[in-house]
């Protein structure tokens, strides 16, 4: 190779680039622009073209990220896409596939491998918390409790007052609206696609109802539907709830109404219903509980392809409890909730 860049042998430029790893510093060293250095090094194959993340790559990530993550095989997915694991995790965050509490579905072999790695690390460096196995004595607990109460009493009424609480709530609300705080879910999230719409379903019921809505759309009974596209914002209140996002927004001509899939009602959800009735009395919300869901299932499941198969399609078939005769799904350590608490919490 006897080519030159602005009179400088390209071999010298290549050697300097390997040393500095920066075209601008190389250009400054030889008195040549960084753009020229970059262009020529790209021509001779020293600098590889940028490997753009294509729409096809995004589609693969949407389809496989959840199952690969929960099974502890993200490195395999990274190699499949020709990227680093850190890179695909960043892309997954952009797509909203991260965050929330995840339940990992590691194989027994993977669990044993992780356990062995942890034991080796602890043997070499010590326990990270430095007090493994230690428990507070009753005297220590009492002292901690007294100190906590004393510290709380030091706070002024202004800090605990309604005005201060309102201010903290408004700050949190603004952070949420600005995207600083994300929406977290206590549920297991499944990345699914229904009718060309890709979203993170929080339950198999939500997936089935999405299929049902797409079925209604195909029959011309509704115009369109969207998943969690509408947010109702509440004024500051003492109930501790500031927003409500219905599961589905349904359009039928000019008519718009909302659908909420709810197998049970917790305290927070009851508060949201109260606030909706107070602040948005004209909003029409249909609630799908067990009775309504079962009626839809009985009438339409044979007409709707994929009904009841979300976990199978997502590769998340839950294992059964290891106790003989128990049909409950696994909660932890191969046991259902009942047998887990019976063994470990008593």
Foldseek 3Di string as FASTA:
>chain_A
DQDAQVNHGVVVLLVVCVVVVALCVSCVVVVHHSVSSVVVCCVVPNDDPDDDCDPVNVVCCLQPVQLCVLQVNLCVNCVVVVHGSVVSVVVCVVVVNDAADAHHDYDPVVVVVVVVVVVVCCVVPNDPVNQPPDDDDPVRVVVVVVVVVVVVVPDDCVCVDPVVVLVVVVVVVVCDVVVVDDDYDNAHWFFDADPNDTDTDRDLLLVQVSLVLVVCCVVLNFVDKDAQPDKDAFHDDPLPDGIDGAGMWTHHPPDIAGEHEDQDDDPNNVVVVVRCCVPPVPHHYHYHYPVNSVVCCVPPVVVGPPRPCRCVSSVNDFDAAPPPPGRHGDDPPSHNPVVVCVPPVD
